Amino acid sequence: MFRVEADFSMSDVEDYINSESKAWFDEIVDGLRQTGRRLVDKARAKTREDGGFGNITWNLRASIGMCLVDETGKIVDTYFPPLGKGAHGNMVGREMAERLALYVSEGDSISMVFVAGEEYASLVQANGRDVIKYVIGDNLGPALREILGS
């Protein structure tokens, strides 16, 4: 009669599963990170001639950014690259995204918070100038396909 013995333990199996799960999660995070950064860059690049808005202080454009939040509420990544003279906008955008992250960090997933952090962003949007609506509003699906396809 044959006797088969495993050359691994249940601890080895658990370690393998945890390692593969972490690698899978890291891959998802990296994909979201790249997509989020491209969304931010696309929103920031929209000029007045494209239906966007102009730059007086650069604060509104600099306030556009994103952060990724895991299920524990820990911020995994933020993307608010400095832009022109918009240091104030950059700061308020980052602060808003981090505050909003507290509200979306429930469940078993990772979430992306995408913001235009200046208080007057909605006023600019309401006056017919696209701030981030084209990128994330009703056009999120087409915008993601365009970004991921390029």
N, C-alpha and C. Protein backbone atom coordinates (compact mmCIF):
# COMPACT_ATOMS: atom_id res chain seq x y z
N MET A 1 0.84 -1.17 0.00
CA MET A 1 0.00 0.00 0.00
C MET A 1 0.89 1.24 0.00
N PHE A 2 0.46 2.21 -0.83
CA PHE A 2 1.20 3.48 -0.88
C PHE A 2 0.79 4.39 0.24
N ARG A 3 1.75 5.09 0.70
CA ARG A 3 1.47 6.13 1.70
C ARG A 3 1.97 7.45 1.12
N VAL A 4 1.07 8.42 1.04
CA VAL A 4 1.42 9.74 0.49
C VAL A 4 1.51 10.74 1.62
N GLU A 5 2.62 11.44 1.64
CA GLU A 5 2.81 12.47 2.65
C GLU A 5 3.08 13.80 1.96
N ALA A 6 2.45 14.80 2.43
CA ALA A 6 2.65 16.15 1.87
C ALA A 6 3.97 16.71 2.35
N ASP A 7 4.64 17.41 1.47
CA ASP A 7 5.88 18.07 1.88
C ASP A 7 5.63 19.55 2.16
N PHE A 8 4.39 19.84 2.55
CA PHE A 8 4.02 21.19 2.94
C PHE A 8 3.01 21.09 4.07
N SER A 9 2.87 22.21 4.76
CA SER A 9 1.93 22.25 5.89
C SER A 9 0.74 23.14 5.54
N MET A 10 -0.27 23.12 6.37
CA MET A 10 -1.40 24.01 6.18
C MET A 10 -0.96 25.47 6.28
N SER A 11 0.04 25.72 7.08
CA SER A 11 0.60 27.07 7.18
C SER A 11 1.19 27.50 5.84
N ASP A 12 1.84 26.56 5.14
CA ASP A 12 2.37 26.86 3.81
C ASP A 12 1.24 27.20 2.83
N VAL A 13 0.14 26.45 2.91
CA VAL A 13 -1.01 26.71 2.05
C VAL A 13 -1.59 28.08 2.35
N GLU A 14 -1.75 28.40 3.62
CA GLU A 14 -2.28 29.71 4.00
C GLU A 14 -1.36 30.83 3.53
N ASP A 15 -0.04 30.64 3.69
CA ASP A 15 0.92 31.64 3.23
C ASP A 15 0.81 31.85 1.72
N TYR A 16 0.65 30.76 0.98
CA TYR A 16 0.53 30.84 -0.47
C TYR A 16 -0.75 31.61 -0.86
N ILE A 17 -1.86 31.26 -0.22
CA ILE A 17 -3.12 31.94 -0.51
C ILE A 17 -3.03 33.42 -0.18
N ASN A 18 -2.44 33.74 0.97
CA ASN A 18 -2.28 35.15 1.35
C ASN A 18 -1.38 35.89 0.37
N SER A 19 -0.32 35.25 -0.06
CA SER A 19 0.60 35.88 -1.01
C SER A 19 -0.08 36.14 -2.35
N GLU A 20 -0.83 35.16 -2.85
CA GLU A 20 -1.53 35.32 -4.12
C GLU A 20 -2.63 36.37 -4.01
N SER A 21 -3.33 36.38 -2.87
CA SER A 21 -4.38 37.39 -2.66
C SER A 21 -3.78 38.78 -2.63
N LYS A 22 -2.66 38.94 -1.95
CA LYS A 22 -1.99 40.25 -1.89
C LYS A 22 -1.53 40.68 -3.28
N ALA A 23 -0.97 39.75 -4.04
CA ALA A 23 -0.52 40.08 -5.40
C ALA A 23 -1.71 40.51 -6.26
N TRP A 24 -2.83 39.81 -6.13
CA TRP A 24 -4.04 40.15 -6.88
C TRP A 24 -4.54 41.53 -6.48
N PHE A 25 -4.59 41.80 -5.17
CA PHE A 25 -5.04 43.09 -4.66
C PHE A 25 -4.11 44.20 -5.15
N ASP A 26 -2.80 43.96 -5.07
CA ASP A 26 -1.83 44.96 -5.53
C ASP A 26 -2.00 45.27 -7.01
N GLU A 27 -2.35 44.25 -7.80
CA GLU A 27 -2.57 44.46 -9.23
C GLU A 27 -3.80 45.33 -9.47
N ILE A 28 -4.85 45.09 -8.71
CA ILE A 28 -6.06 45.91 -8.82
C ILE A 28 -5.76 47.34 -8.41
N VAL A 29 -5.05 47.51 -7.31
CA VAL A 29 -4.69 48.85 -6.84
C VAL A 29 -3.86 49.58 -7.90
N ASP A 30 -2.91 48.86 -8.49
CA ASP A 30 -2.07 49.49 -9.50
C ASP A 30 -2.89 49.92 -10.72
N GLY A 31 -3.84 49.07 -11.13
CA GLY A 31 -4.71 49.43 -12.24
C GLY A 31 -5.57 50.65 -11.92
N LEU A 32 -6.13 50.68 -10.71
CA LEU A 32 -6.91 51.85 -10.29
C LEU A 32 -6.04 53.09 -10.18
N ARG A 33 -4.84 52.93 -9.66
CA ARG A 33 -3.91 54.05 -9.54
C ARG A 33 -3.63 54.65 -10.92
N GLN A 34 -3.29 53.81 -11.88
CA GLN A 34 -2.99 54.31 -13.22
C GLN A 34 -4.21 54.97 -13.86
N THR A 35 -5.37 54.34 -13.71
CA THR A 35 -6.60 54.90 -14.27
C THR A 35 -6.94 56.23 -13.61
N GLY A 36 -6.85 56.29 -12.29
CA GLY A 36 -7.13 57.52 -11.56
C GLY A 36 -6.21 58.65 -11.97
N ARG A 37 -4.95 58.34 -12.13
CA ARG A 37 -3.99 59.37 -12.53
C ARG A 37 -4.29 59.88 -13.94
N ARG A 38 -4.69 58.97 -14.80
CA ARG A 38 -5.04 59.40 -16.16
C ARG A 38 -6.31 60.24 -16.17
N LEU A 39 -7.28 59.88 -15.31
CA LEU A 39 -8.49 60.70 -15.20
C LEU A 39 -8.16 62.11 -14.72
N VAL A 40 -7.30 62.20 -13.71
CA VAL A 40 -6.90 63.51 -13.19
C VAL A 40 -6.19 64.31 -14.27
N ASP A 41 -5.24 63.69 -14.95
CA ASP A 41 -4.50 64.39 -15.99
C ASP A 41 -5.44 64.87 -17.11
N LYS A 42 -6.40 64.02 -17.46
CA LYS A 42 -7.37 64.38 -18.52
C LYS A 42 -8.22 65.58 -18.08
N ALA A 43 -8.71 65.54 -16.85
CA ALA A 43 -9.54 66.63 -16.35
C ALA A 43 -8.73 67.92 -16.25
N ARG A 44 -7.51 67.83 -15.80
CA ARG A 44 -6.67 69.02 -15.67
C ARG A 44 -6.27 69.60 -17.02
N ALA A 45 -6.20 68.76 -18.03
CA ALA A 45 -5.74 69.21 -19.35
C ALA A 45 -6.81 69.91 -20.17
N LYS A 46 -8.07 69.80 -19.75
CA LYS A 46 -9.15 70.39 -20.54
C LYS A 46 -9.06 71.91 -20.47
N THR A 47 -8.92 72.53 -21.63
CA THR A 47 -8.75 73.98 -21.70
C THR A 47 -10.09 74.69 -21.88
N ARG A 48 -10.06 75.97 -21.77
CA ARG A 48 -11.26 76.79 -21.98
C ARG A 48 -11.82 76.56 -23.39
N GLU A 49 -10.93 76.43 -24.37
CA GLU A 49 -11.34 76.19 -25.74
C GLU A 49 -12.02 74.83 -25.90
N ASP A 50 -11.70 73.88 -25.02
CA ASP A 50 -12.31 72.54 -25.05
C ASP A 50 -13.60 72.48 -24.24
N GLY A 51 -14.06 73.61 -23.72
CA GLY A 51 -15.25 73.62 -22.87
C GLY A 51 -14.93 73.60 -21.40
N GLY A 52 -13.65 73.62 -21.08
CA GLY A 52 -13.22 73.66 -19.68
C GLY A 52 -13.24 75.08 -19.16
N PHE A 53 -12.31 75.40 -18.31
CA PHE A 53 -12.27 76.72 -17.69
C PHE A 53 -10.88 77.30 -17.84
N GLY A 54 -10.78 78.61 -17.65
CA GLY A 54 -9.50 79.30 -17.73
C GLY A 54 -8.75 79.21 -16.41
N ASN A 55 -7.58 79.80 -16.39
CA ASN A 55 -6.75 79.79 -15.19
C ASN A 55 -6.41 81.22 -14.81
N ILE A 56 -6.90 81.62 -13.67
CA ILE A 56 -6.51 82.92 -13.14
C ILE A 56 -5.48 82.68 -12.04
N THR A 57 -5.84 81.83 -11.09
CA THR A 57 -4.92 81.53 -9.98
C THR A 57 -4.31 80.14 -10.08
N TRP A 58 -4.81 79.29 -10.96
CA TRP A 58 -4.42 77.89 -11.12
C TRP A 58 -4.91 77.01 -9.96
N ASN A 59 -5.60 77.60 -8.99
CA ASN A 59 -6.03 76.81 -7.83
C ASN A 59 -7.10 75.78 -8.18
N LEU A 60 -8.06 76.12 -9.02
CA LEU A 60 -9.11 75.15 -9.36
C LEU A 60 -8.51 73.94 -10.07
N ARG A 61 -7.71 74.18 -11.06
CA ARG A 61 -7.10 73.08 -11.81
C ARG A 61 -6.20 72.24 -10.90
N ALA A 62 -5.45 72.90 -10.01
CA ALA A 62 -4.56 72.18 -9.10
C ALA A 62 -5.32 71.40 -8.03
N SER A 63 -6.60 71.76 -7.80
CA SER A 63 -7.39 71.07 -6.77
C SER A 63 -7.99 69.77 -7.28
N ILE A 64 -7.86 69.50 -8.58
CA ILE A 64 -8.39 68.26 -9.15
C ILE A 64 -7.39 67.15 -8.88
N GLY A 65 -7.90 66.07 -8.29
CA GLY A 65 -7.03 64.94 -7.98
C GLY A 65 -7.84 63.77 -7.47
N MET A 66 -7.12 62.76 -6.98
CA MET A 66 -7.80 61.57 -6.50
C MET A 66 -7.00 60.92 -5.38
N CYS A 67 -7.72 60.08 -4.63
CA CYS A 67 -7.05 59.20 -3.68
C CYS A 67 -7.73 57.84 -3.69
N LEU A 68 -6.97 56.82 -3.39
CA LEU A 68 -7.47 55.46 -3.28
C LEU A 68 -7.51 55.09 -1.81
N VAL A 69 -8.61 54.44 -1.41
CA VAL A 69 -8.83 54.10 0.00
C VAL A 69 -9.16 52.62 0.09
N ASP A 70 -8.51 51.92 1.02
CA ASP A 70 -8.84 50.51 1.18
C ASP A 70 -10.01 50.34 2.14
N GLU A 71 -10.42 49.10 2.37
CA GLU A 71 -11.61 48.83 3.16
C GLU A 71 -11.47 49.21 4.63
N THR A 72 -10.24 49.42 5.09
CA THR A 72 -10.03 49.82 6.48
C THR A 72 -10.06 51.33 6.65
N GLY A 73 -10.14 52.06 5.54
CA GLY A 73 -10.11 53.51 5.61
C GLY A 73 -8.72 54.08 5.42
N LYS A 74 -7.74 53.22 5.20
CA LYS A 74 -6.36 53.67 4.98
C LYS A 74 -6.22 54.18 3.55
N ILE A 75 -5.65 55.36 3.41
CA ILE A 75 -5.41 55.92 2.08
C ILE A 75 -4.19 55.21 1.50
N VAL A 76 -4.42 54.56 0.36
CA VAL A 76 -3.39 53.77 -0.30
C VAL A 76 -2.53 54.63 -1.21
N ASP A 77 -3.15 55.62 -1.84
CA ASP A 77 -2.42 56.48 -2.77
C ASP A 77 -3.18 57.79 -2.96
N THR A 78 -2.48 58.86 -3.19
CA THR A 78 -3.09 60.13 -3.58
C THR A 78 -2.36 60.64 -4.81
N TYR A 79 -3.07 61.42 -5.61
CA TYR A 79 -2.46 62.01 -6.80
C TYR A 79 -2.98 63.43 -6.96
N PHE A 80 -2.18 64.36 -6.51
CA PHE A 80 -2.42 65.79 -6.64
C PHE A 80 -1.09 66.44 -7.00
N PRO A 81 -0.62 66.22 -8.23
CA PRO A 81 0.68 66.79 -8.58
C PRO A 81 0.63 68.32 -8.56
N PRO A 82 1.71 68.96 -8.14
CA PRO A 82 1.76 70.42 -8.13
C PRO A 82 1.50 70.97 -9.53
N LEU A 83 0.89 72.13 -9.58
CA LEU A 83 0.56 72.71 -10.87
C LEU A 83 0.65 74.23 -10.79
N GLY A 84 1.54 74.79 -11.57
CA GLY A 84 1.65 76.24 -11.66
C GLY A 84 1.72 76.91 -10.30
N LYS A 85 0.89 77.95 -10.17
CA LYS A 85 0.86 78.71 -8.92
C LYS A 85 -0.24 78.22 -7.99
N GLY A 86 -0.79 77.02 -8.25
CA GLY A 86 -1.96 76.55 -7.53
C GLY A 86 -1.71 75.79 -6.26
N ALA A 87 -0.75 76.22 -5.45
CA ALA A 87 -0.43 75.49 -4.21
C ALA A 87 -1.64 75.41 -3.27
N HIS A 88 -2.40 76.51 -3.17
CA HIS A 88 -3.56 76.50 -2.29
C HIS A 88 -4.59 75.48 -2.78
N GLY A 89 -4.88 75.48 -4.08
CA GLY A 89 -5.83 74.54 -4.65
C GLY A 89 -5.39 73.10 -4.46
N ASN A 90 -4.11 72.88 -4.62
CA ASN A 90 -3.56 71.54 -4.42
C ASN A 90 -3.81 71.07 -2.99
N MET A 91 -3.59 71.93 -2.04
CA MET A 91 -3.77 71.60 -0.63
C MET A 91 -5.25 71.32 -0.32
N VAL A 92 -6.16 72.20 -0.78
CA VAL A 92 -7.57 72.01 -0.45
C VAL A 92 -8.15 70.79 -1.18
N GLY A 93 -7.66 70.51 -2.38
CA GLY A 93 -8.10 69.31 -3.09
C GLY A 93 -7.72 68.05 -2.34
N ARG A 94 -6.48 68.00 -1.91
CA ARG A 94 -5.99 66.83 -1.16
C ARG A 94 -6.77 66.67 0.14
N GLU A 95 -6.98 67.78 0.86
CA GLU A 95 -7.72 67.71 2.13
C GLU A 95 -9.15 67.23 1.91
N MET A 96 -9.81 67.72 0.85
CA MET A 96 -11.18 67.30 0.58
C MET A 96 -11.23 65.81 0.25
N ALA A 97 -10.33 65.35 -0.57
CA ALA A 97 -10.31 63.93 -0.95
C ALA A 97 -10.09 63.05 0.28
N GLU A 98 -9.20 63.46 1.15
CA GLU A 98 -8.93 62.68 2.36
C GLU A 98 -10.12 62.68 3.32
N ARG A 99 -10.83 63.81 3.40
CA ARG A 99 -12.06 63.85 4.23
C ARG A 99 -13.13 62.95 3.65
N LEU A 100 -13.34 63.03 2.34
CA LEU A 100 -14.36 62.21 1.69
C LEU A 100 -14.02 60.73 1.77
N ALA A 101 -12.74 60.42 1.81
CA ALA A 101 -12.31 59.02 1.88
C ALA A 101 -12.86 58.33 3.12
N LEU A 102 -13.06 59.09 4.18
CA LEU A 102 -13.61 58.51 5.41
C LEU A 102 -15.02 57.97 5.21
N TYR A 103 -15.75 58.53 4.25
CA TYR A 103 -17.14 58.15 4.02
C TYR A 103 -17.31 57.00 3.03
N VAL A 104 -16.28 56.69 2.28
CA VAL A 104 -16.41 55.65 1.26
C VAL A 104 -15.60 54.40 1.57
N SER A 105 -15.04 54.33 2.75
CA SER A 105 -14.13 53.24 3.07
C SER A 105 -14.81 52.05 3.74
N GLU A 106 -16.07 51.83 3.45
CA GLU A 106 -16.77 50.70 4.03
C GLU A 106 -16.81 49.55 3.03
N GLY A 107 -16.84 48.34 3.53
CA GLY A 107 -16.97 47.18 2.66
C GLY A 107 -15.66 46.47 2.46
N ASP A 108 -15.64 45.59 1.47
CA ASP A 108 -14.49 44.75 1.21
C ASP A 108 -13.76 45.14 -0.06
N SER A 109 -13.71 46.40 -0.33
CA SER A 109 -13.12 46.79 -1.61
C SER A 109 -12.25 48.02 -1.45
N ILE A 110 -11.69 48.42 -2.56
CA ILE A 110 -10.92 49.65 -2.60
C ILE A 110 -11.77 50.67 -3.36
N SER A 111 -11.71 51.90 -2.92
CA SER A 111 -12.51 52.97 -3.53
C SER A 111 -11.60 54.08 -4.02
N MET A 112 -12.08 54.77 -5.06
CA MET A 112 -11.37 55.93 -5.57
C MET A 112 -12.22 57.17 -5.30
N VAL A 113 -11.59 58.18 -4.74
CA VAL A 113 -12.24 59.47 -4.53
C VAL A 113 -11.61 60.43 -5.54
N PHE A 114 -12.45 61.03 -6.37
CA PHE A 114 -12.01 61.93 -7.43
C PHE A 114 -12.67 63.27 -7.18
N VAL A 115 -11.90 64.33 -6.99
CA VAL A 115 -12.47 65.61 -6.58
C VAL A 115 -11.88 66.78 -7.37
N ALA A 116 -12.67 67.86 -7.36
CA ALA A 116 -12.18 69.20 -7.65
C ALA A 116 -12.41 69.92 -6.33
N GLY A 117 -11.38 70.16 -5.58
CA GLY A 117 -11.51 70.55 -4.19
C GLY A 117 -11.83 72.00 -3.89
N GLU A 118 -11.67 72.89 -4.84
CA GLU A 118 -12.00 74.28 -4.57
C GLU A 118 -13.51 74.42 -4.41
N GLU A 119 -13.94 75.22 -3.44
CA GLU A 119 -15.36 75.38 -3.15
C GLU A 119 -16.15 75.90 -4.36
N TYR A 120 -15.53 76.67 -5.20
CA TYR A 120 -16.24 77.27 -6.32
C TYR A 120 -16.29 76.36 -7.55
N ALA A 121 -15.80 75.14 -7.46
CA ALA A 121 -15.80 74.22 -8.61
C ALA A 121 -17.21 73.96 -9.12
N SER A 122 -18.16 73.77 -8.21
CA SER A 122 -19.54 73.49 -8.63
C SER A 122 -20.15 74.72 -9.31
N LEU A 123 -19.79 75.91 -8.88
CA LEU A 123 -20.28 77.14 -9.51
C LEU A 123 -19.74 77.25 -10.94
N VAL A 124 -18.46 76.96 -11.12
CA VAL A 124 -17.87 76.99 -12.45
C VAL A 124 -18.58 75.96 -13.34
N GLN A 125 -18.80 74.76 -12.79
CA GLN A 125 -19.49 73.70 -13.53
C GLN A 125 -20.91 74.13 -13.89
N ALA A 126 -21.61 74.74 -12.94
CA ALA A 126 -23.00 75.17 -13.16
C ALA A 126 -23.08 76.27 -14.22
N ASN A 127 -22.01 77.02 -14.41
CA ASN A 127 -21.98 78.08 -15.41
C ASN A 127 -21.52 77.58 -16.77
N GLY A 128 -21.57 76.27 -16.96
CA GLY A 128 -21.30 75.71 -18.28
C GLY A 128 -19.86 75.42 -18.59
N ARG A 129 -18.99 75.53 -17.63
CA ARG A 129 -17.58 75.22 -17.83
C ARG A 129 -17.29 73.88 -17.17
N ASP A 130 -16.78 72.95 -17.94
CA ASP A 130 -16.53 71.61 -17.43
C ASP A 130 -15.32 71.60 -16.50
N VAL A 131 -15.54 71.15 -15.28
CA VAL A 131 -14.45 71.00 -14.31
C VAL A 131 -14.05 69.52 -14.28
N ILE A 132 -14.96 68.66 -13.83
CA ILE A 132 -14.68 67.22 -13.86
C ILE A 132 -15.87 66.40 -14.34
N LYS A 133 -16.97 67.03 -14.64
CA LYS A 133 -18.17 66.28 -15.02
C LYS A 133 -17.95 65.41 -16.24
N TYR A 134 -17.31 65.94 -17.27
CA TYR A 134 -17.09 65.14 -18.48
C TYR A 134 -16.32 63.86 -18.15
N VAL A 135 -15.40 63.97 -17.25
CA VAL A 135 -14.56 62.82 -16.92
C VAL A 135 -15.28 61.84 -16.03
N ILE A 136 -16.07 62.32 -15.05
CA ILE A 136 -16.65 61.36 -14.11
C ILE A 136 -18.17 61.33 -14.09
N GLY A 137 -18.82 62.29 -14.68
CA GLY A 137 -20.28 62.33 -14.62
C GLY A 137 -20.92 61.25 -15.46
N ASP A 138 -21.89 61.64 -16.26
CA ASP A 138 -22.61 60.70 -17.11
C ASP A 138 -21.68 60.00 -18.10
N ASN A 139 -20.52 60.56 -18.31
CA ASN A 139 -19.59 60.04 -19.30
C ASN A 139 -18.50 59.16 -18.72
N LEU A 140 -18.65 58.67 -17.49
CA LEU A 140 -17.58 57.89 -16.87
C LEU A 140 -17.24 56.65 -17.70
N GLY A 141 -18.26 55.92 -18.13
CA GLY A 141 -18.00 54.72 -18.93
C GLY A 141 -17.21 55.02 -20.18
N PRO A 142 -17.70 55.94 -21.04
CA PRO A 142 -16.93 56.27 -22.24
C PRO A 142 -15.54 56.85 -21.92
N ALA A 143 -15.45 57.67 -20.88
CA ALA A 143 -14.15 58.24 -20.53
C ALA A 143 -13.17 57.15 -20.12
N LEU A 144 -13.63 56.19 -19.33
CA LEU A 144 -12.75 55.09 -18.93
C LEU A 144 -12.35 54.25 -20.13
N ARG A 145 -13.29 53.97 -21.03
CA ARG A 145 -12.94 53.19 -22.23
C ARG A 145 -11.91 53.93 -23.06
N GLU A 146 -12.08 55.25 -23.18
CA GLU A 146 -11.13 56.05 -23.95
C GLU A 146 -9.75 56.01 -23.29
N ILE A 147 -9.72 56.18 -21.99
CA ILE A 147 -8.44 56.19 -21.27
C ILE A 147 -7.78 54.83 -21.30
N LEU A 148 -8.54 53.79 -21.03
CA LEU A 148 -7.97 52.44 -20.97
C LEU A 148 -7.62 51.92 -22.36
N GLY A 149 -8.28 52.45 -23.38
CA GLY A 149 -8.00 52.01 -24.74
C GLY A 149 -6.78 52.66 -25.33
N SER A 150 -6.37 53.77 -24.75
CA SER A 150 -5.22 54.48 -25.32
C SER A 150 -3.94 54.16 -24.61
